[in-house]
Amino acid sequence: MSKSRYGCWMWTTLFCLAAFTLASPVQRVAAQATIAQQVAVPAYFSPGHFWTQLDNSVPSVGIAVANVDNGPGNLTDPNVAGAIQAAHNAGIKVLGYVNTGLLGTTGHLTRLGTSDMVSWEVQIESDVNAWYSFYGSYGIDGIFLDQLQNVCGPNNVYANVYTEMQNYVKQNHLGAWVAGNAGSPVPQCYQNAADILLTFENTYACYSHDSSCPQDQWYVDLDWNPVDPQKIWHLIYDTSESQLANASSLSKQRNAGYFYITSGILPNPWDFLPTGSYWKTEVSVGGTLPNTPPTPPVTLDIVDVGATWATLNWGASTDNSGSGVVGYDIYENGVKTVSVAASSNPQVTIMGLTPSTLYTFNARARDAAGDVSDFSNTLQFTTDVANGSVSAPGNLTSTQIGATSAALSWTPSTACCDYAIAYYDVYQEGTKILTLDAKVTSVTVIGLTPGSNYTFTVQARDTQGDISPASNSVSLTTNSLPGGLANTNCTSRARRHKARACRRSSQR
């Protein structure tokens, strides 16, 4: 799935194989685990019969990743919109592809040609905004973050940035799912960086520890236990039909709640769907029929509450199917927003709440076989009043105005009492478009339209949840593109020369 992880452009260019860190080989397990699985597909093909094939394979197919041009593209594509809407209506979670470029740590450049971490954060959030702007009304269900780092970084900085990116998606789009692809094992610091972690992406030979695959690319188990199979996703390509059954069995033994197996090979394993008996066999192992659900979580209650967060706990559920309780799904105002791995004393802290606001929460238990309990009791509470005082960011100015970007800078805000500034939110025409760490007081906004007028403001938030007044507003007009060029989508139907022109225009 990681086209860009391996330096590849959508539809046209080559994949390159990344080496994985070597660890002790994992031995095969003789007995097949009893877990529910669904097929999760990198749907990197044009809208059409393959998308229809996915829709007709529900409930075995649970997730599809949509990709226009290594991301959302520049405009709404009606054909992509139709494919997303049909898949969503069929019951598939459709995630929009966003390249994270390993946060620039290995020299990957943003579309503006920069490699610093803040510029990558801006591009990630801008692509998230674009997916929801272009396809939110058609049922886009979340975001797929590709090219994740697979190390924590100094003081967990890389894992923390990905966690903040997930928070950005979820806090701005209630109920959104976030998947992250490192393509290899990740340390436990990534446990809360995404709802789903893609921890293997390579050939069947590497998955099965065949000698034809270099040993440093063999499948390696995580060194921590995610408990919930729905946390893990494996992609296995270059798999013959005769190897399909063993690949599927291995994915169950390795506790992958999501998987996709294909005969596709490099340079692009993801540009089609297997058909015929291959596909029939693959989807026959996806999903488990309901059995006996666990008991509902007991006495959902509040441990503590602040202005923008709340900690909840509940009594553990009892498994009735023999497969074991693996997770709890938390519902905020009727929408599932987070899943928590099972433990003897389950607890979760919900972030990003609004001060002085009434909330309703429920919880459900889920076992490894996919059975889901009834709801817990309903818990209602009101978040605290935000009682600090935050000054407005000062002297907002704009510089370096281009056709699709503009640089903004401001002077820092101050917080009252024992609190500190936590974030700056950038607004475009009154709509939040970026959330930045408190240390960031200048940013280049991207994804603008050439020859268009814009107004920006900035607000600060402190650690208590207090929000500052808006800064002064800045109005600007982006430059027109030379020669009458305009931003267009580079879709799968574009010829190579058109795709190159589109990329050039979108990068100015």
Protein backbone atom coordinates (compact mmCIF):
# COMPACT_ATOMS: atom_id res chain seq x y z
CA MET A 1 0.00 0.00 0.00
CA SER A 2 2.86 2.35 0.68
CA LYS A 3 3.38 3.72 -2.79
CA SER A 4 4.93 6.82 -1.44
CA ARG A 5 6.72 4.99 1.34
CA TYR A 6 8.73 3.44 -1.47
CA GLY A 7 8.93 6.67 -3.48
CA CYS A 8 6.05 5.95 -5.86
CA TRP A 9 3.40 8.08 -7.56
CA MET A 10 -0.20 7.03 -7.97
CA TRP A 11 -1.09 5.06 -11.10
CA THR A 12 2.14 5.57 -13.06
CA THR A 13 5.45 5.09 -11.32
CA LEU A 14 7.39 2.26 -9.81
CA PHE A 15 7.37 0.75 -6.38
CA CYS A 16 10.62 0.09 -4.59
CA LEU A 17 11.03 -2.44 -1.81
CA ALA A 18 11.97 -1.24 1.67
CA ALA A 19 14.04 -3.37 4.02
CA PHE A 20 12.55 -4.20 7.41
CA THR A 21 14.44 -4.32 10.69
CA LEU A 22 15.56 -7.82 11.55
CA ALA A 23 14.33 -9.42 14.73
CA SER A 24 14.07 -13.00 15.89
CA PRO A 25 11.94 -14.95 13.39
CA VAL A 26 8.46 -15.79 14.57
CA GLN A 27 7.64 -19.49 14.50
CA ARG A 28 4.42 -20.67 12.88
CA VAL A 29 1.64 -21.68 15.22
CA ALA A 30 0.02 -25.00 14.48
CA ALA A 31 -3.50 -24.12 15.65
CA GLN A 32 -5.48 -21.42 13.84
CA ALA A 33 -6.69 -18.65 16.11
CA THR A 34 -10.42 -17.97 16.36
CA ILE A 35 -10.63 -14.32 15.41
CA ALA A 36 -12.94 -12.31 13.21
CA GLN A 37 -11.23 -10.93 10.13
CA GLN A 38 -12.18 -8.58 7.33
CA VAL A 39 -10.49 -7.85 4.04
CA ALA A 40 -9.02 -4.32 3.92
CA VAL A 41 -8.05 -3.25 0.41
CA PRO A 42 -5.74 -0.54 -0.94
CA ALA A 43 -8.16 0.33 -3.73
CA TYR A 44 -5.62 2.07 -5.94
CA PHE A 45 -7.59 1.60 -9.13
CA SER A 46 -10.04 3.69 -11.10
CA PRO A 47 -13.72 3.81 -10.15
CA GLY A 48 -15.47 1.02 -11.98
CA HIS A 49 -15.88 -2.74 -11.84
CA PHE A 50 -13.27 -3.38 -9.15
CA TRP A 51 -15.02 -0.97 -6.77
CA THR A 52 -18.31 -2.70 -7.60
CA GLN A 53 -16.65 -6.02 -6.78
CA LEU A 54 -15.71 -4.63 -3.35
CA ASP A 55 -19.26 -3.42 -2.74
CA ASN A 56 -20.62 -6.85 -3.61
CA SER A 57 -18.24 -8.52 -1.13
CA VAL A 58 -19.59 -6.99 2.08
CA PRO A 59 -19.42 -7.98 4.95
CA SER A 60 -16.17 -9.80 4.20
CA VAL A 61 -14.67 -6.55 2.90
CA GLY A 62 -14.52 -3.96 5.68
CA ILE A 63 -12.12 -1.23 4.52
CA ALA A 64 -11.09 0.35 1.22
CA VAL A 65 -8.44 3.04 0.83
CA ALA A 66 -9.26 5.62 -1.84
CA ASN A 67 -6.48 7.49 -3.63
CA VAL A 68 -6.77 10.08 -6.36
CA ASP A 69 -3.26 11.45 -6.86
CA ASN A 70 -1.14 10.33 -3.93
CA GLY A 71 -3.81 12.03 -1.85
CA PRO A 72 -7.14 13.76 -2.47
CA GLY A 73 -6.15 15.68 -5.61
CA ASN A 74 -7.14 19.30 -6.17
CA LEU A 75 -10.85 19.08 -6.99
CA THR A 76 -13.80 16.77 -6.40
CA ASP A 77 -13.75 13.98 -8.97
CA PRO A 78 -17.38 12.93 -9.62
CA ASN A 79 -16.37 9.35 -10.46
CA VAL A 80 -14.33 8.99 -7.27
CA ALA A 81 -17.21 10.55 -5.31
CA GLY A 82 -19.62 7.99 -6.74
CA ALA A 83 -17.31 5.10 -5.89
CA ILE A 84 -16.84 6.33 -2.31
CA GLN A 85 -20.56 6.85 -1.82
CA ALA A 86 -21.47 3.41 -3.15
CA ALA A 87 -18.85 1.69 -0.99
CA HIS A 88 -19.88 3.62 2.12
CA ASN A 89 -23.54 2.81 1.52
CA ALA A 90 -22.64 -0.87 1.11
CA GLY A 91 -21.05 -0.86 4.58
CA ILE A 92 -17.36 -0.43 3.71
CA LYS A 93 -15.27 2.07 5.68
CA VAL A 94 -13.61 4.24 3.01
CA LEU A 95 -10.38 5.92 4.11
CA GLY A 96 -8.68 8.70 2.19
CA TYR A 97 -4.97 8.28 1.43
CA VAL A 98 -2.59 10.83 3.01
CA ASN A 99 1.18 10.62 2.59
CA THR A 100 3.12 11.52 5.76
CA GLY A 101 6.57 11.27 4.20
CA LEU A 102 8.16 9.77 7.33
CA LEU A 103 7.73 13.34 8.65
CA GLY A 104 10.65 14.41 6.48
CA THR A 105 13.13 12.61 8.70
CA THR A 106 14.75 10.79 5.77
CA GLY A 107 14.64 13.72 3.34
CA HIS A 108 11.19 13.18 1.81
CA LEU A 109 9.98 16.51 0.41
CA THR A 110 6.53 18.05 0.66
CA ARG A 111 4.83 19.31 -2.47
CA LEU A 112 6.46 22.69 -1.78
CA GLY A 113 9.87 21.06 -1.69
CA THR A 114 10.51 21.27 2.06
CA SER A 115 11.40 18.47 4.44
CA ASP A 116 10.99 19.92 7.95
CA MET A 117 8.50 18.27 10.27
CA VAL A 118 6.19 21.28 10.61
CA SER A 119 5.79 21.52 6.83
CA TRP A 120 4.86 17.83 6.73
CA GLU A 121 2.31 18.35 9.51
CA VAL A 122 0.79 21.23 7.52
CA GLN A 123 0.57 19.12 4.36
CA ILE A 124 -0.98 16.20 6.27
CA GLU A 125 -3.67 18.38 7.86
CA SER A 126 -4.31 20.14 4.54
CA ASP A 127 -4.82 16.79 2.79
CA VAL A 128 -7.17 15.68 5.57
CA ASN A 129 -9.15 18.90 5.05
CA ALA A 130 -9.27 18.31 1.31
CA TRP A 131 -10.57 14.74 1.63
CA TYR A 132 -13.44 15.92 3.81
CA SER A 133 -14.08 19.03 1.71
CA PHE A 134 -14.21 17.07 -1.55
CA TYR A 135 -15.74 13.79 -0.36
CA GLY A 136 -17.13 14.30 3.15
CA SER A 137 -20.69 14.54 1.86
CA TYR A 138 -20.19 11.31 -0.10
CA GLY A 139 -19.35 9.24 2.97
CA ILE A 140 -15.58 9.31 3.45
CA ASP A 141 -15.11 7.49 6.76
CA GLY A 142 -11.60 8.46 7.80
CA ILE A 143 -7.97 8.79 6.83
CA PHE A 144 -5.17 6.39 5.93
CA LEU A 145 -1.78 7.79 6.98
CA ASP A 146 0.92 6.24 4.85
CA GLN A 147 4.71 6.23 5.38
CA LEU A 148 4.67 6.19 9.16
CA GLN A 149 7.96 6.16 10.96
CA ASN A 150 8.58 2.90 12.82
CA VAL A 151 10.69 4.30 15.68
CA CYS A 152 9.54 6.44 18.58
CA GLY A 153 12.05 9.24 18.00
CA PRO A 154 13.74 11.39 20.66
CA ASN A 155 11.33 11.71 23.60
CA ASN A 156 8.71 9.90 21.46
CA VAL A 157 8.51 12.89 19.11
CA TYR A 158 7.54 10.91 15.98
CA ALA A 159 4.89 8.81 17.71
CA ASN A 160 3.52 11.95 19.38
CA VAL A 161 3.20 13.79 16.05
CA TYR A 162 1.21 10.92 14.56
CA THR A 163 -0.98 10.86 17.66
CA GLU A 164 -1.63 14.59 17.18
CA MET A 165 -2.49 13.98 13.52
CA GLN A 166 -5.00 11.32 14.58
CA ASN A 167 -6.43 13.75 17.14
CA TYR A 168 -6.77 16.40 14.44
CA VAL A 169 -8.83 14.03 12.29
CA LYS A 170 -11.02 12.78 15.11
CA GLN A 171 -11.64 16.12 16.81
CA ASN A 172 -12.73 17.72 13.55
CA HIS A 173 -14.70 14.72 12.20
CA LEU A 174 -16.64 12.83 14.86
CA GLY A 175 -16.46 9.08 14.36
CA ALA A 176 -13.61 9.14 11.84
CA TRP A 177 -11.32 6.11 11.62
CA VAL A 178 -7.56 6.51 11.29
CA ALA A 179 -5.22 3.82 9.97
CA GLY A 180 -1.44 4.17 9.86
CA ASN A 181 1.02 2.27 7.69
CA ALA A 182 4.60 1.68 8.81
CA GLY A 183 4.74 -1.51 6.74
CA SER A 184 6.78 -3.14 9.49
CA PRO A 185 6.58 -3.68 13.27
CA VAL A 186 6.21 -0.55 15.39
CA PRO A 187 7.08 -0.08 19.07
CA GLN A 188 4.39 0.37 21.71
CA CYS A 189 4.74 4.17 21.58
CA TYR A 190 2.53 3.91 18.46
CA GLN A 191 -0.27 2.09 20.27
CA ASN A 192 -2.49 5.19 20.37
CA ALA A 193 -1.24 6.81 17.15
CA ALA A 194 -3.97 5.18 15.01
CA ASP A 195 -7.05 3.00 15.33
CA ILE A 196 -5.45 0.45 12.99
CA LEU A 197 -1.73 -0.17 12.47
CA LEU A 198 -0.51 -1.77 9.25
CA THR A 199 2.52 -3.71 10.45
CA PHE A 200 3.39 -5.89 7.44
CA GLU A 201 3.52 -5.05 3.73
CA ASN A 202 5.59 -7.40 1.62
CA THR A 203 5.54 -10.65 -0.35
CA TYR A 204 4.20 -14.06 0.61
CA ALA A 205 7.78 -15.33 0.61
CA CYS A 206 8.68 -12.79 3.31
CA TYR A 207 5.47 -13.48 5.22
CA SER A 208 6.10 -17.22 5.26
CA HIS A 209 9.85 -16.94 6.01
CA ASP A 210 10.83 -18.51 2.72
CA SER A 211 14.55 -18.56 1.94
CA SER A 212 13.92 -16.68 -1.31
CA CYS A 213 13.19 -13.57 0.77
CA PRO A 214 16.10 -11.81 2.49
CA GLN A 215 15.84 -12.57 6.18
CA ASP A 216 15.84 -8.89 7.16
CA GLN A 217 12.46 -8.59 5.35
CA TRP A 218 10.75 -11.54 7.02
CA TYR A 219 7.58 -11.01 9.00
CA VAL A 220 8.34 -10.14 12.64
CA ASP A 221 5.84 -10.10 15.49
CA LEU A 222 5.31 -6.95 17.51
CA ASP A 223 7.22 -6.87 20.79
CA TRP A 224 4.04 -5.75 22.58
CA ASN A 225 0.55 -7.22 22.67
CA PRO A 226 -2.19 -5.08 21.09
CA VAL A 227 -4.79 -7.64 22.34
CA ASP A 228 -7.45 -6.47 19.89
CA PRO A 229 -7.10 -8.05 16.40
CA GLN A 230 -8.85 -5.01 14.90
CA LYS A 231 -5.71 -3.04 15.75
CA ILE A 232 -3.57 -4.92 13.21
CA TRP A 233 -3.58 -5.07 9.38
CA HIS A 234 -1.33 -7.16 7.11
CA LEU A 235 -0.81 -6.78 3.34
CA ILE A 236 0.64 -9.76 1.48
CA TYR A 237 1.34 -9.53 -2.24
CA ASP A 238 2.96 -11.79 -4.87
CA THR A 239 0.87 -14.68 -3.51
CA SER A 240 -0.22 -17.49 -5.83
CA GLU A 241 -3.64 -19.06 -5.46
CA SER A 242 -2.02 -22.22 -4.10
CA GLN A 243 -0.37 -20.11 -1.37
CA LEU A 244 -3.52 -18.19 -0.50
CA ALA A 245 -4.85 -20.57 2.17
CA ASN A 246 -1.58 -20.63 4.09
CA ALA A 247 -1.21 -16.85 3.89
CA SER A 248 -4.72 -16.48 5.30
CA SER A 249 -4.03 -19.01 8.06
CA LEU A 250 -0.82 -17.21 9.03
CA SER A 251 -2.64 -13.88 9.23
CA LYS A 252 -5.09 -15.37 11.73
CA GLN A 253 -2.34 -16.93 13.79
CA ARG A 254 -0.63 -13.54 13.88
CA ASN A 255 -3.79 -11.87 15.18
CA ALA A 256 -4.39 -9.60 12.18
CA GLY A 257 -8.02 -8.53 12.25
CA TYR A 258 -7.58 -6.96 8.80
CA PHE A 259 -5.71 -8.48 5.87
CA TYR A 260 -5.44 -8.36 2.11
CA ILE A 261 -3.75 -10.98 -0.06
CA THR A 262 -3.13 -10.53 -3.77
CA SER A 263 -1.27 -12.11 -6.66
CA GLY A 264 -0.20 -8.62 -7.68
CA ILE A 265 3.52 -7.96 -7.97
CA LEU A 266 5.83 -4.98 -8.08
CA PRO A 267 5.88 -2.35 -9.45
CA ASN A 268 2.21 -2.02 -8.37
CA PRO A 269 0.48 -4.87 -6.51
CA TRP A 270 -2.58 -2.73 -5.69
CA ASP A 271 -3.88 -1.64 -9.13
CA PHE A 272 -6.44 -4.45 -9.48
CA LEU A 273 -8.51 -6.95 -7.49
CA PRO A 274 -8.09 -10.72 -7.78
CA THR A 275 -11.12 -12.30 -9.43
CA GLY A 276 -12.70 -15.69 -9.86
CA SER A 277 -11.82 -18.51 -7.47
CA TYR A 278 -8.95 -16.52 -5.96
CA TRP A 279 -11.26 -13.75 -4.76
CA LYS A 280 -13.97 -16.20 -3.74
CA THR A 281 -11.47 -18.01 -1.53
CA GLU A 282 -10.12 -14.78 -0.07
CA VAL A 283 -13.47 -13.34 0.97
CA SER A 284 -14.70 -16.69 2.28
CA VAL A 285 -12.24 -16.44 5.18
CA GLY A 286 -13.11 -12.84 5.96
CA GLY A 287 -15.60 -12.28 8.76
CA THR A 288 -17.05 -14.57 11.40
CA LEU A 289 -20.75 -15.17 11.88
CA PRO A 290 -22.16 -13.86 15.18
CA ASN A 291 -22.00 -16.36 18.00
CA THR A 292 -22.66 -15.52 21.66
CA PRO A 293 -21.81 -11.91 22.54
CA PRO A 294 -20.00 -10.85 25.71
CA THR A 295 -21.90 -9.35 28.60
CA PRO A 296 -22.23 -5.55 28.46
CA PRO A 297 -19.61 -3.39 30.19
CA VAL A 298 -20.61 -2.82 33.81
CA THR A 299 -21.24 0.59 35.38
CA LEU A 300 -19.69 3.03 32.95
CA ASP A 301 -18.65 5.91 35.18
CA ILE A 302 -16.56 9.06 35.24
CA VAL A 303 -13.23 9.09 37.07
CA ASP A 304 -12.35 12.73 36.48
CA VAL A 305 -13.33 15.53 34.13
CA GLY A 306 -11.75 18.76 32.94
CA ALA A 307 -12.74 21.44 30.50
CA THR A 308 -11.57 19.53 27.41
CA TRP A 309 -11.13 15.95 28.61
CA ALA A 310 -12.74 13.23 30.71
CA THR A 311 -11.49 9.91 32.09
CA LEU A 312 -14.02 7.06 32.09
CA ASN A 313 -13.87 3.55 33.53
CA TRP A 314 -16.14 0.52 33.70
CA GLY A 315 -16.29 -3.04 34.95
CA ALA A 316 -14.90 -5.71 32.61
CA SER A 317 -17.26 -7.76 30.45
CA THR A 318 -17.46 -11.55 30.50
CA ASP A 319 -16.79 -13.59 27.38
CA ASN A 320 -19.46 -16.11 26.37
CA SER A 321 -18.05 -17.42 23.10
CA GLY A 322 -14.72 -18.87 24.18
CA SER A 323 -12.73 -16.48 22.02
CA GLY A 324 -12.06 -13.89 24.72
CA VAL A 325 -13.04 -10.22 25.14
CA VAL A 326 -10.51 -8.20 23.13
CA GLY A 327 -11.79 -4.64 23.17
CA TYR A 328 -14.34 -2.03 24.14
CA ASP A 329 -15.90 0.47 21.74
CA ILE A 330 -16.73 3.87 23.21
CA TYR A 331 -19.65 5.85 21.80
CA GLU A 332 -19.82 9.64 22.14
CA ASN A 333 -23.30 11.03 21.59
CA GLY A 334 -24.21 7.83 19.72
CA VAL A 335 -21.14 7.74 17.46
CA LYS A 336 -18.30 5.23 17.95
CA THR A 337 -15.20 7.35 18.50
CA VAL A 338 -12.53 5.15 20.09
CA SER A 339 -11.71 1.51 20.78
CA VAL A 340 -9.85 0.38 23.90
CA ALA A 341 -7.98 -2.90 24.27
CA ALA A 342 -9.43 -5.23 26.88
CA SER A 343 -7.92 -5.28 30.38
CA SER A 344 -8.99 -6.24 33.87
CA ASN A 345 -9.57 -2.57 34.80
CA PRO A 346 -10.56 -0.86 31.54
CA GLN A 347 -10.28 2.91 31.37
CA VAL A 348 -9.97 5.62 28.72
CA THR A 349 -9.31 9.35 28.64
CA ILE A 350 -11.33 11.20 26.00
CA MET A 351 -9.58 14.32 24.69
CA GLY A 352 -10.73 17.23 22.58
CA LEU A 353 -14.02 17.91 24.35
CA THR A 354 -15.61 21.34 24.50
CA PRO A 355 -15.76 23.24 27.83
CA SER A 356 -19.14 23.61 29.55
CA THR A 357 -20.79 21.04 27.27
CA LEU A 358 -23.12 18.12 28.04
CA TYR A 359 -21.91 14.75 26.71
CA THR A 360 -23.45 11.29 26.55
CA PHE A 361 -21.28 8.15 26.49
CA ASN A 362 -21.92 4.40 26.18
CA ALA A 363 -19.61 1.41 25.81
CA ARG A 364 -19.85 -2.01 24.17
CA ALA A 365 -17.58 -5.06 24.53
CA ARG A 366 -16.27 -7.05 21.59
CA ASP A 367 -14.77 -10.55 21.51
CA ALA A 368 -12.17 -11.99 19.14
CA ALA A 369 -14.86 -13.74 17.10
CA GLY A 370 -16.45 -10.39 16.28
CA ASP A 371 -19.44 -10.67 18.61
CA VAL A 372 -20.51 -7.33 20.10
CA SER A 373 -22.32 -6.89 23.42
CA ASP A 374 -25.30 -4.77 24.21
CA PHE A 375 -24.63 -1.21 25.34
CA SER A 376 -23.55 -0.37 28.85
CA ASN A 377 -25.50 2.08 30.93
CA THR A 378 -25.67 5.63 29.58
CA LEU A 379 -23.32 8.13 31.21
CA GLN A 380 -23.99 11.85 30.99
CA PHE A 381 -21.81 14.66 32.32
CA THR A 382 -20.92 18.28 31.63
CA THR A 383 -17.32 19.31 31.09
CA ASP A 384 -15.81 21.96 33.35
CA VAL A 385 -15.78 25.65 32.65
CA ALA A 386 -12.55 26.85 31.06
CA ASN A 387 -11.46 29.39 33.65
CA GLY A 388 -8.11 30.65 32.42
CA SER A 389 -7.34 33.67 30.28
CA VAL A 390 -5.43 33.53 27.00
CA SER A 391 -4.23 36.57 25.08
CA ALA A 392 -4.81 36.78 21.34
CA PRO A 393 -1.91 36.04 19.00
CA GLY A 394 -0.48 39.36 17.87
CA ASN A 395 0.62 41.01 14.66
CA LEU A 396 -0.57 38.39 12.19
CA THR A 397 1.12 39.11 8.86
CA SER A 398 1.44 37.38 5.50
CA THR A 399 4.51 37.04 3.29
CA GLN A 400 5.72 34.94 0.39
CA ILE A 401 2.37 34.71 -1.33
CA GLY A 402 2.33 32.19 -4.19
CA ALA A 403 -0.33 30.71 -6.43
CA THR A 404 -1.36 27.95 -4.02
CA SER A 405 0.39 28.93 -0.77
CA ALA A 406 1.01 31.83 1.56
CA ALA A 407 3.25 32.24 4.61
CA LEU A 408 1.71 33.53 7.87
CA SER A 409 3.45 34.58 11.09
CA TRP A 410 2.32 35.98 14.45
CA THR A 411 3.63 36.82 17.90
CA PRO A 412 2.99 34.34 20.72
CA SER A 413 0.01 34.36 23.06
CA THR A 414 0.30 34.13 26.84
CA ALA A 415 -1.74 32.01 29.26
CA CYS A 416 -2.92 32.76 32.75
CA CYS A 417 -2.06 31.22 36.04
CA ASP A 418 -0.57 27.73 35.98
CA TYR A 419 -1.55 27.00 32.38
CA ALA A 420 0.53 27.12 29.21
CA ILE A 421 -0.24 27.65 25.54
CA ALA A 422 -0.86 24.25 23.97
CA TYR A 423 -1.90 24.94 20.36
CA TYR A 424 -2.49 27.58 17.73
CA ASP A 425 -5.47 27.11 15.40
CA VAL A 426 -5.35 28.77 11.97
CA TYR A 427 -8.70 29.80 10.48
CA GLN A 428 -9.48 30.47 6.83
CA GLU A 429 -12.73 32.36 6.29
CA GLY A 430 -13.72 31.34 9.82
CA THR A 431 -13.08 27.61 9.28
CA LYS A 432 -10.27 25.88 11.16
CA ILE A 433 -7.71 24.56 8.68
CA LEU A 434 -4.64 23.86 10.85
CA THR A 435 -3.75 22.97 14.43
CA LEU A 436 -0.13 23.66 15.33
CA ASP A 437 2.03 23.04 18.36
CA ALA A 438 2.55 26.00 20.68
CA LYS A 439 6.16 26.39 19.60
CA VAL A 440 5.07 27.16 16.02
CA THR A 441 4.37 30.86 15.30
CA SER A 442 4.87 30.85 11.53
CA VAL A 443 3.49 28.53 8.90
CA THR A 444 3.01 28.24 5.16
CA VAL A 445 -0.62 27.54 4.30
CA ILE A 446 -0.99 25.32 1.21
CA GLY A 447 -3.79 24.07 -1.02
CA LEU A 448 -5.01 27.54 -1.98
CA THR A 449 -6.56 28.37 -5.36
CA PRO A 450 -4.59 30.61 -7.76
CA GLY A 451 -5.90 34.14 -8.21
CA SER A 452 -8.26 33.94 -5.21
CA ASN A 453 -8.95 36.08 -2.15
CA TYR A 454 -8.48 34.72 1.39
CA THR A 455 -8.80 35.96 4.96
CA PHE A 456 -6.93 34.33 7.85
CA THR A 457 -6.99 34.60 11.63
CA VAL A 458 -5.23 32.66 14.41
CA GLN A 459 -6.43 31.66 17.89
CA ALA A 460 -4.51 30.12 20.78
CA ARG A 461 -5.61 27.37 23.18
CA ASP A 462 -4.10 26.65 26.57
CA THR A 463 -3.69 23.37 28.41
CA GLN A 464 -6.99 23.97 30.25
CA GLY A 465 -8.94 24.38 27.01
CA ASP A 466 -9.32 28.15 27.12
CA ILE A 467 -9.49 29.71 23.68
CA SER A 468 -8.08 33.16 23.00
CA PRO A 469 -9.79 35.92 21.05
CA ALA A 470 -8.92 35.91 17.37
CA SER A 471 -5.82 37.68 16.17
CA ASN A 472 -6.09 40.51 13.72
CA SER A 473 -7.24 39.29 10.32
CA VAL A 474 -5.03 39.18 7.25
CA SER A 475 -6.49 39.32 3.75
CA LEU A 476 -4.49 38.35 0.67
CA THR A 477 -4.84 37.37 -2.98
CA THR A 478 -2.91 34.42 -4.33
CA ASN A 479 -0.97 34.79 -7.56
CA SER A 480 -2.44 33.63 -10.84
CA LEU A 481 -0.69 30.78 -12.60
CA PRO A 482 1.29 31.76 -15.70
CA GLY A 483 0.01 30.84 -19.12
CA GLY A 484 -3.55 30.32 -17.93
CA LEU A 485 -2.78 27.04 -16.15
CA ALA A 486 -5.28 25.93 -13.54
CA ASN A 487 -5.32 23.29 -10.84
CA THR A 488 -6.94 20.08 -12.03
CA ASN A 489 -7.22 16.63 -10.61
CA CYS A 490 -4.65 14.09 -11.77
CA THR A 491 -6.88 11.05 -11.84
CA SER A 492 -6.25 7.57 -13.15
CA ARG A 493 -7.78 8.62 -16.45
CA ALA A 494 -5.13 11.30 -17.02
CA ARG A 495 -2.35 10.66 -19.50
CA ARG A 496 1.20 10.81 -18.19
CA HIS A 497 1.94 14.25 -19.67
CA LYS A 498 -1.26 15.66 -18.13
CA ALA A 499 -0.39 14.19 -14.75
CA ARG A 500 3.03 15.84 -14.85
CA ALA A 501 1.47 19.22 -15.70
CA CYS A 502 -1.06 18.82 -12.91
CA ARG A 503 1.65 18.09 -10.38
CA ARG A 504 3.60 21.15 -11.53
CA SER A 505 0.60 23.45 -11.19
CA SER A 506 -0.33 22.12 -7.75
CA GLN A 507 3.17 22.69 -6.41
CA ARG A 508 3.49 26.37 -7.25
